[in-house]
Amino acid sequence: MIEYLSKVKPDKLSGVAVVRLDFNTEDDSRMRAALPTLKLLLKYAKALVVLSHKGRPLGFQKQFSLERSAQNLSGLLDKKVTFIKEFNFDSARRAVAEAPPKSVFVLENLRFVSMEKDEDVSFAKNLASLGDYYVNEAFAVSHRANASVTTITKYLPSYAGLGLEKEIENLGKVMKKPEQPLVVVLGGAKSADKLAMMKYFKAKASSFLVGGALANTLLYLQGTDIGTSLFDPDVNKMIKNLSSYKNIVLPTDFRREGTKILDIGPNSEKLFASKIKEARTIIWNGPMGLIERENFKEGTFAIALAIAANKKAFRLVGGGETVMMLKEADLYDEMNFVSTGGGAMLEFLAGKKLPGIEALKK
C-alpha cells in the first residue's frame, strides 16, 4: 500500500524531507506542478532537500547544471534556495543540519554521476542520509529504476507527493472505467513508445486517431507512398499487429513539404474532430505534425481546439510537446487533467508497473 503525503499526520513530517522532483523540461511546468507539495512540506518540515535531474549528460556538463533551476525555484517559492554543487555528502549533511528552519536545498544534477542510473546502493544511502523521510513528486521519471527513485526508498520512510497521487488517480480512472466512447489521440515522432498502450486499450477504445510517425508507418505498410516522411523503419511484430485493429483512424490528407508528410490535412482535421466530438473520454499524447515549424502546427491546433470544445468528455493529456502546444493555444486549463509525464504516462497507461511507484508500496 502506498502512503500518500495528503494523508500523513503532520508530526511525521517534522524532520528533513528529501524530495524527488523532475526539472527535465524546457519550461518550469513540472517545477510549478510540484509547488503544492513543496509548500505543504514547508509547513511542517525542518528543511527540504530537492533531488532532480536534467537532460542526458555525459558526466559533468555545465549546460545541464541545476544551478539555474535552483534560482528559478527560489523565485517560485519566494524564498532563498541553496544550491549544493558537489556530491560531497559530508559537507552537504553538515550544511543541512546547521541551516535555519525551513531552509531549501537543491542538489546538483543526479545524472552527472553514473551511480544514479545504476541504482547504486552506496549512492542511494548517501542521498537518504540528507534527510529523515522521502517524498516522490516526480511522476515523469517514475518509470526509471534509478537510485533516487527506487533504491532510496529502502532507507527512509517514503511517501507519494500530491502530484504523484493525482497522476495515479486520474490515469487509473481512464484505465479502469472510462466513460464511453473512449477516443485515444496519438502522434509525435516516437512510434514504439505507444504500441503497448494501444494494445492495452485495443478493446476499450472506440477510436485511435493516429498522426505523426506512427501514422506514416501504418500508411507505408498499407502501400501508401509516404516519400521521405518520418516513419519507423523497424517494422516489428507489434506494429504489424496494428493492422488487425478495426478502430484505428488514419489521416486521409496531408500538409507536405516536397516528398515529406509534415502534418495532417484539413479533411483529416474534420474527420478526427468528428470522432472527438462524440467522445466521453479522451486521451491525447503527441502532436499531429512538425510543430517546430509554423506552417505545420495547424493539425495539432485543430485537435487541441476540438478536444477543448468537448465539455462533456473527461480529457486527459500528456507529453512535453503536446502540453507546450496547449499552452501556446491557451487551452491548458480546458483539460480535465494534464499529466506531467510523457513516457511515464504511456507506460502507466499500458498497464506496466512503474518502478518508482512500486518502490513506494509497503
Protein backbone atom coordinates (compact mmCIF):
# COMPACT_ATOMS: atom_id res chain seq x y z
CA MET A 1 0.00 0.00 0.00
CA ILE A 2 1.27 3.47 -0.94
CA GLU A 3 1.35 6.12 1.77
CA TYR A 4 0.14 9.39 0.30
CA LEU A 5 1.52 12.65 1.63
CA SER A 6 -2.02 14.06 1.75
CA LYS A 7 -2.92 11.51 4.42
CA VAL A 8 0.27 11.58 6.53
CA LYS A 9 -0.06 13.05 10.02
CA PRO A 10 1.89 16.32 10.37
CA ASP A 11 4.01 15.03 13.26
CA LYS A 12 5.63 12.52 10.86
CA LEU A 13 6.77 15.40 8.64
CA SER A 14 8.69 17.44 11.20
CA GLY A 15 12.17 16.32 10.11
CA VAL A 16 14.12 16.99 6.92
CA ALA A 17 12.31 15.97 3.74
CA VAL A 18 14.24 14.57 0.78
CA VAL A 19 12.04 15.34 -2.23
CA ARG A 20 12.49 13.89 -5.71
CA LEU A 21 11.37 16.36 -8.39
CA ASP A 22 11.83 16.45 -12.17
CA PHE A 23 13.29 19.60 -13.74
CA ASN A 24 13.76 17.96 -17.14
CA THR A 25 11.61 20.32 -19.21
CA GLU A 26 12.21 23.34 -21.44
CA ASP A 27 9.97 25.44 -19.18
CA ASP A 28 9.20 25.37 -15.46
CA SER A 29 5.91 23.44 -15.79
CA ARG A 30 6.97 20.43 -13.69
CA MET A 31 8.52 22.71 -11.09
CA ARG A 32 5.27 24.66 -10.82
CA ALA A 33 3.29 21.41 -10.61
CA ALA A 34 5.34 20.42 -7.56
CA LEU A 35 4.71 23.67 -5.66
CA PRO A 36 1.66 22.41 -3.68
CA THR A 37 3.75 19.53 -2.33
CA LEU A 38 6.72 21.77 -1.50
CA LYS A 39 4.52 24.34 0.23
CA LEU A 40 2.78 21.66 2.26
CA LEU A 41 6.12 20.24 3.37
CA LEU A 42 7.43 23.68 4.31
CA LYS A 43 4.59 23.99 6.83
CA TYR A 44 5.91 21.04 8.84
CA ALA A 45 9.43 20.06 7.76
CA LYS A 46 12.62 21.42 9.30
CA ALA A 47 14.15 21.68 5.82
CA LEU A 48 13.78 20.40 2.23
CA VAL A 49 16.47 18.75 0.14
CA VAL A 50 15.44 18.58 -3.51
CA LEU A 51 16.84 15.89 -5.80
CA SER A 52 16.42 16.15 -9.56
CA HIS A 53 17.99 15.75 -12.99
CA LYS A 54 18.10 17.42 -16.39
CA GLY A 55 18.95 16.07 -19.82
CA ARG A 56 21.19 13.12 -20.62
CA PRO A 57 24.63 14.49 -19.73
CA LEU A 58 27.88 12.60 -20.23
CA GLY A 59 29.48 13.35 -16.88
CA PHE A 60 29.52 16.97 -15.79
CA GLN A 61 28.26 19.32 -18.50
CA LYS A 62 27.65 22.90 -17.42
CA GLN A 63 24.56 23.36 -19.62
CA PHE A 64 22.81 20.63 -17.63
CA SER A 65 23.64 22.03 -14.19
CA LEU A 66 20.68 22.58 -11.86
CA GLU A 67 22.04 25.89 -10.56
CA ARG A 68 19.63 27.85 -12.75
CA SER A 69 16.79 25.54 -11.71
CA ALA A 70 17.58 26.30 -8.06
CA GLN A 71 17.33 30.02 -8.84
CA ASN A 72 14.00 29.51 -10.61
CA LEU A 73 12.66 27.51 -7.67
CA SER A 74 13.74 30.31 -5.33
CA GLY A 75 11.61 32.74 -7.34
CA LEU A 76 8.57 30.46 -7.34
CA LEU A 77 8.78 29.80 -3.61
CA ASP A 78 9.73 33.40 -2.86
CA LYS A 79 12.48 32.25 -0.51
CA LYS A 80 16.19 31.53 -0.59
CA VAL A 81 17.20 28.20 -2.12
CA THR A 82 20.75 26.96 -1.51
CA PHE A 83 22.40 25.10 -4.38
CA ILE A 84 24.70 22.19 -3.48
CA LYS A 85 27.03 21.93 -6.47
CA GLU A 86 29.16 18.95 -5.43
CA PHE A 87 28.38 15.42 -4.31
CA ASN A 88 30.32 15.89 -1.08
CA PHE A 89 27.83 14.29 1.25
CA ASP A 90 29.71 15.05 4.49
CA SER A 91 29.62 18.73 3.61
CA ALA A 92 26.01 18.53 2.44
CA ARG A 93 24.83 16.82 5.63
CA ARG A 94 26.58 19.45 7.70
CA ALA A 95 25.02 22.29 5.70
CA VAL A 96 21.52 20.84 6.12
CA ALA A 97 22.00 20.19 9.84
CA GLU A 98 23.25 23.73 10.51
CA ALA A 99 20.71 25.51 8.31
CA PRO A 100 17.97 27.75 9.73
CA PRO A 101 14.47 26.22 9.96
CA LYS A 102 12.53 25.95 6.67
CA SER A 103 15.67 26.05 4.52
CA VAL A 104 15.50 24.63 0.99
CA PHE A 105 18.41 22.98 -0.80
CA VAL A 106 18.79 21.72 -4.39
CA LEU A 107 21.45 19.09 -5.09
CA GLU A 108 23.31 19.12 -8.40
CA ASN A 109 22.08 17.10 -11.40
CA LEU A 110 21.96 13.45 -10.30
CA ARG A 111 22.71 12.28 -13.82
CA PHE A 112 26.20 13.76 -13.61
CA VAL A 113 27.15 10.51 -11.84
CA SER A 114 26.57 7.02 -13.26
CA MET A 115 25.62 5.72 -9.79
CA GLU A 116 22.18 7.29 -10.23
CA LYS A 117 21.07 5.17 -13.19
CA ASP A 118 22.91 2.12 -11.84
CA GLU A 119 20.74 2.11 -8.70
CA ASP A 120 23.96 2.20 -6.69
CA VAL A 121 23.26 1.31 -3.06
CA SER A 122 26.02 3.48 -1.54
CA PHE A 123 24.82 6.49 -3.58
CA ALA A 124 21.22 5.89 -2.50
CA LYS A 125 22.30 5.62 1.15
CA ASN A 126 24.16 8.91 0.87
CA LEU A 127 21.09 10.59 -0.65
CA ALA A 128 18.96 9.14 2.14
CA SER A 129 21.40 10.43 4.77
CA LEU A 130 20.43 14.01 3.84
CA GLY A 131 17.01 13.71 5.46
CA ASP A 132 14.54 11.87 7.65
CA TYR A 133 11.92 10.85 5.08
CA TYR A 134 11.48 10.74 1.30
CA VAL A 135 8.76 12.11 -0.99
CA ASN A 136 8.44 11.14 -4.65
CA GLU A 137 6.92 14.04 -6.57
CA ALA A 138 8.50 13.08 -9.89
CA PHE A 139 5.95 11.02 -11.82
CA ALA A 140 7.73 11.85 -15.09
CA VAL A 141 10.80 9.82 -14.03
CA SER A 142 8.99 7.13 -12.05
CA HIS A 143 9.29 4.69 -14.96
CA ARG A 144 13.08 4.73 -14.40
CA ALA A 145 14.79 2.43 -11.91
CA ASN A 146 17.25 4.99 -10.51
CA ALA A 147 18.94 5.32 -7.13
CA SER A 148 16.96 8.45 -6.25
CA VAL A 149 13.66 6.95 -7.39
CA THR A 150 13.69 3.34 -6.23
CA THR A 151 16.72 2.40 -4.11
CA ILE A 152 16.43 5.34 -1.72
CA THR A 153 13.02 4.12 -0.52
CA LYS A 154 14.75 1.19 1.23
CA TYR A 155 16.44 3.56 3.67
CA LEU A 156 13.77 6.16 4.51
CA PRO A 157 10.05 6.28 5.27
CA SER A 158 8.63 7.10 1.84
CA TYR A 159 5.52 8.88 0.58
CA ALA A 160 3.87 9.79 -2.73
CA GLY A 161 3.59 13.54 -3.25
CA LEU A 162 0.34 15.37 -4.00
CA GLY A 163 1.03 15.46 -7.74
CA LEU A 164 2.01 11.81 -7.92
CA GLU A 165 -1.22 10.92 -6.12
CA LYS A 166 -3.23 12.83 -8.74
CA GLU A 167 -1.37 11.07 -11.56
CA ILE A 168 -2.19 7.65 -10.13
CA GLU A 169 -5.81 8.64 -9.54
CA ASN A 170 -6.51 10.19 -12.95
CA LEU A 171 -4.57 7.75 -15.10
CA GLY A 172 -6.14 4.90 -13.17
CA LYS A 173 -9.58 6.36 -13.84
CA VAL A 174 -9.28 6.17 -17.64
CA MET A 175 -7.81 2.67 -17.42
CA LYS A 176 -10.41 1.08 -15.17
CA LYS A 177 -13.76 2.60 -16.06
CA PRO A 178 -13.53 5.11 -18.90
CA GLU A 179 -16.88 6.56 -19.90
CA GLN A 180 -17.61 5.51 -23.47
CA PRO A 181 -16.95 6.34 -26.23
CA LEU A 182 -13.22 6.46 -25.45
CA VAL A 183 -11.10 8.18 -28.11
CA VAL A 184 -7.30 7.95 -27.98
CA VAL A 185 -5.33 10.53 -29.99
CA LEU A 186 -1.69 9.65 -30.69
CA GLY A 187 1.02 11.49 -32.61
CA GLY A 188 4.64 12.53 -32.35
CA ALA A 189 7.89 11.08 -33.56
CA LYS A 190 8.25 8.01 -31.32
CA SER A 191 6.12 5.15 -32.63
CA ALA A 192 7.41 2.37 -30.39
CA ASP A 193 6.51 4.18 -27.16
CA LYS A 194 2.79 4.00 -27.95
CA LEU A 195 2.39 0.37 -29.02
CA ALA A 196 1.98 -1.24 -25.59
CA MET A 197 -0.58 1.38 -24.59
CA MET A 198 -2.55 0.75 -27.80
CA LYS A 199 -2.55 -2.98 -27.07
CA TYR A 200 -3.94 -2.33 -23.58
CA PHE A 201 -6.76 -0.15 -24.92
CA LYS A 202 -7.48 -2.21 -28.06
CA ALA A 203 -10.83 -3.48 -26.79
CA LYS A 204 -11.70 -0.33 -24.81
CA ALA A 205 -11.09 2.42 -27.35
CA SER A 206 -13.81 3.41 -29.78
CA SER A 207 -11.17 5.03 -31.97
CA PHE A 208 -7.42 5.52 -32.15
CA LEU A 209 -6.83 8.76 -34.06
CA VAL A 210 -3.24 8.41 -35.26
CA GLY A 211 -0.89 11.03 -36.69
CA GLY A 212 2.87 11.58 -36.77
CA ALA A 213 5.46 8.90 -37.40
CA LEU A 214 3.18 6.03 -36.40
CA ALA A 215 0.56 7.10 -38.95
CA ASN A 216 3.26 7.31 -41.63
CA THR A 217 4.47 3.83 -40.74
CA LEU A 218 0.97 2.33 -40.92
CA LEU A 219 0.29 4.12 -44.22
CA TYR A 220 3.57 2.76 -45.57
CA LEU A 221 2.52 -0.77 -44.61
CA GLN A 222 -0.75 -0.22 -46.49
CA GLY A 223 1.20 0.68 -49.62
CA THR A 224 0.77 4.46 -49.45
CA ASP A 225 3.64 6.49 -50.90
CA ILE A 226 4.96 8.44 -47.93
CA GLY A 227 8.05 9.67 -49.75
CA THR A 228 10.84 10.64 -47.36
CA SER A 229 8.48 11.17 -44.39
CA LEU A 230 9.49 10.22 -40.88
CA PHE A 231 8.46 6.64 -40.12
CA ASP A 232 9.60 3.66 -38.08
CA PRO A 233 11.93 1.55 -40.25
CA ASP A 234 11.92 -1.20 -37.62
CA VAL A 235 8.54 -2.62 -38.56
CA ASN A 236 8.30 -5.13 -35.74
CA LYS A 237 5.58 -7.62 -34.88
CA MET A 238 3.73 -5.18 -32.61
CA ILE A 239 3.40 -2.62 -35.41
CA LYS A 240 2.29 -5.29 -37.89
CA ASN A 241 -0.34 -6.43 -35.38
CA LEU A 242 -1.94 -2.98 -35.56
CA SER A 243 -3.25 -3.91 -38.99
CA SER A 244 -5.82 -6.09 -37.21
CA TYR A 245 -7.19 -3.15 -35.20
CA LYS A 246 -10.53 -2.10 -36.67
CA ASN A 247 -10.65 1.08 -34.58
CA ILE A 248 -7.55 2.83 -35.98
CA VAL A 249 -8.34 6.00 -37.93
CA LEU A 250 -5.54 7.31 -40.15
CA PRO A 251 -5.21 10.69 -41.88
CA THR A 252 -6.77 10.96 -45.34
CA ASP A 253 -4.85 14.04 -46.49
CA PHE A 254 -1.66 15.84 -45.52
CA ARG A 255 0.36 19.02 -45.48
CA ARG A 256 3.64 18.27 -47.22
CA GLU A 257 6.98 19.85 -47.97
CA GLY A 258 8.44 18.22 -51.04
CA THR A 259 8.11 14.48 -50.54
CA LYS A 260 7.70 14.72 -46.76
CA ILE A 261 4.42 14.49 -44.85
CA LEU A 262 4.75 17.08 -42.08
CA ASP A 263 1.18 17.45 -40.78
CA ILE A 264 -2.33 16.10 -41.21
CA GLY A 265 -4.52 17.94 -43.72
CA PRO A 266 -7.84 19.83 -43.37
CA ASN A 267 -10.01 16.81 -44.25
CA SER A 268 -8.23 14.74 -41.60
CA GLU A 269 -8.76 17.53 -39.09
CA LYS A 270 -12.52 17.37 -39.74
CA LEU A 271 -12.53 13.57 -39.58
CA PHE A 272 -10.63 13.49 -36.28
CA ALA A 273 -12.73 16.34 -34.84
CA SER A 274 -15.95 14.44 -35.61
CA LYS A 275 -14.71 11.45 -33.60
CA ILE A 276 -13.54 13.69 -30.75
CA LYS A 277 -16.92 15.45 -30.61
CA GLU A 278 -18.70 12.17 -29.80
CA ALA A 279 -16.22 11.05 -27.14
CA ARG A 280 -16.89 10.95 -23.41
CA THR A 281 -13.28 10.10 -22.52
CA ILE A 282 -10.28 11.44 -24.47
CA ILE A 283 -6.61 10.56 -24.05
CA TRP A 284 -4.13 12.62 -26.09
CA ASN A 285 -0.36 12.18 -26.42
CA GLY A 286 1.74 13.59 -29.25
CA PRO A 287 1.36 16.31 -31.92
CA MET A 288 -0.02 15.64 -35.40
CA GLY A 289 2.81 17.36 -37.24
CA LEU A 290 6.17 19.08 -37.12
CA ILE A 291 5.09 21.75 -34.67
CA GLU A 292 8.55 23.30 -34.57
CA ARG A 293 7.60 24.80 -37.94
CA GLU A 294 4.82 27.39 -38.03
CA ASN A 295 3.34 26.00 -41.27
CA PHE A 296 2.85 22.56 -39.76
CA LYS A 297 1.14 23.36 -36.45
CA GLU A 298 -2.37 23.59 -37.88
CA GLY A 299 -3.32 19.95 -37.46
CA THR A 300 -2.28 19.89 -33.81
CA PHE A 301 -4.06 23.18 -33.10
CA ALA A 302 -7.22 21.77 -34.69
CA ILE A 303 -7.05 18.69 -32.45
CA ALA A 304 -6.47 20.85 -29.36
CA LEU A 305 -9.49 23.03 -30.21
CA ALA A 306 -11.71 20.00 -30.84
CA ILE A 307 -10.76 18.41 -27.52
CA ALA A 308 -11.24 21.70 -25.63
CA ALA A 309 -14.69 22.13 -27.23
CA ASN A 310 -15.96 18.77 -25.94
CA LYS A 311 -17.02 19.80 -22.44
CA LYS A 312 -18.86 16.52 -21.87
CA ALA A 313 -15.71 14.40 -22.07
CA PHE A 314 -13.06 13.68 -19.45
CA ARG A 315 -9.94 15.00 -21.22
CA LEU A 316 -6.53 13.65 -20.20
CA VAL A 317 -3.42 14.97 -21.94
CA GLY A 318 0.31 14.30 -21.56
CA GLY A 319 3.66 14.59 -23.31
CA GLY A 320 6.03 17.55 -23.40
CA GLU A 321 5.29 18.80 -26.93
CA THR A 322 1.56 18.28 -26.52
CA VAL A 323 1.45 20.27 -23.30
CA MET A 324 3.54 23.07 -24.82
CA MET A 325 1.06 23.35 -27.68
CA LEU A 326 -1.86 23.52 -25.26
CA LYS A 327 -0.17 26.42 -23.52
CA GLU A 328 0.57 28.16 -26.81
CA ALA A 329 -3.08 27.80 -27.80
CA ASP A 330 -4.17 28.99 -24.33
CA LEU A 331 -6.12 25.76 -23.85
CA TYR A 332 -4.16 24.20 -20.99
CA ASP A 333 -6.84 25.00 -18.41
CA GLU A 334 -9.55 23.48 -20.63
CA MET A 335 -8.26 19.96 -19.95
CA ASN A 336 -9.52 17.91 -17.01
CA PHE A 337 -6.05 16.55 -16.24
CA VAL A 338 -2.64 17.29 -17.72
CA SER A 339 -0.05 14.66 -16.85
CA THR A 340 3.50 15.77 -16.07
CA GLY A 341 4.79 12.60 -17.73
CA GLY A 342 5.31 11.59 -21.34
CA GLY A 343 6.99 8.20 -21.37
CA ALA A 344 5.84 7.51 -17.80
CA MET A 345 2.25 8.26 -18.74
CA LEU A 346 2.36 5.91 -21.73
CA GLU A 347 3.90 3.11 -19.68
CA PHE A 348 1.35 3.55 -16.88
CA LEU A 349 -1.49 3.50 -19.43
CA ALA A 350 -0.04 0.32 -20.91
CA GLY A 351 -0.66 -1.39 -17.59
CA LYS A 352 3.03 -1.59 -16.76
CA LYS A 353 4.29 -1.36 -13.19
CA LEU A 354 6.40 1.76 -12.80
CA PRO A 355 9.49 1.14 -10.63
CA GLY A 356 9.18 4.46 -8.79
CA ILE A 357 5.59 3.75 -7.81
CA GLU A 358 6.21 0.11 -6.94
CA ALA A 359 9.06 1.19 -4.66
CA LEU A 360 6.61 3.20 -2.55
CA LYS A 361 4.40 0.21 -1.82
CA LYS A 362 4.75 -1.27 1.65
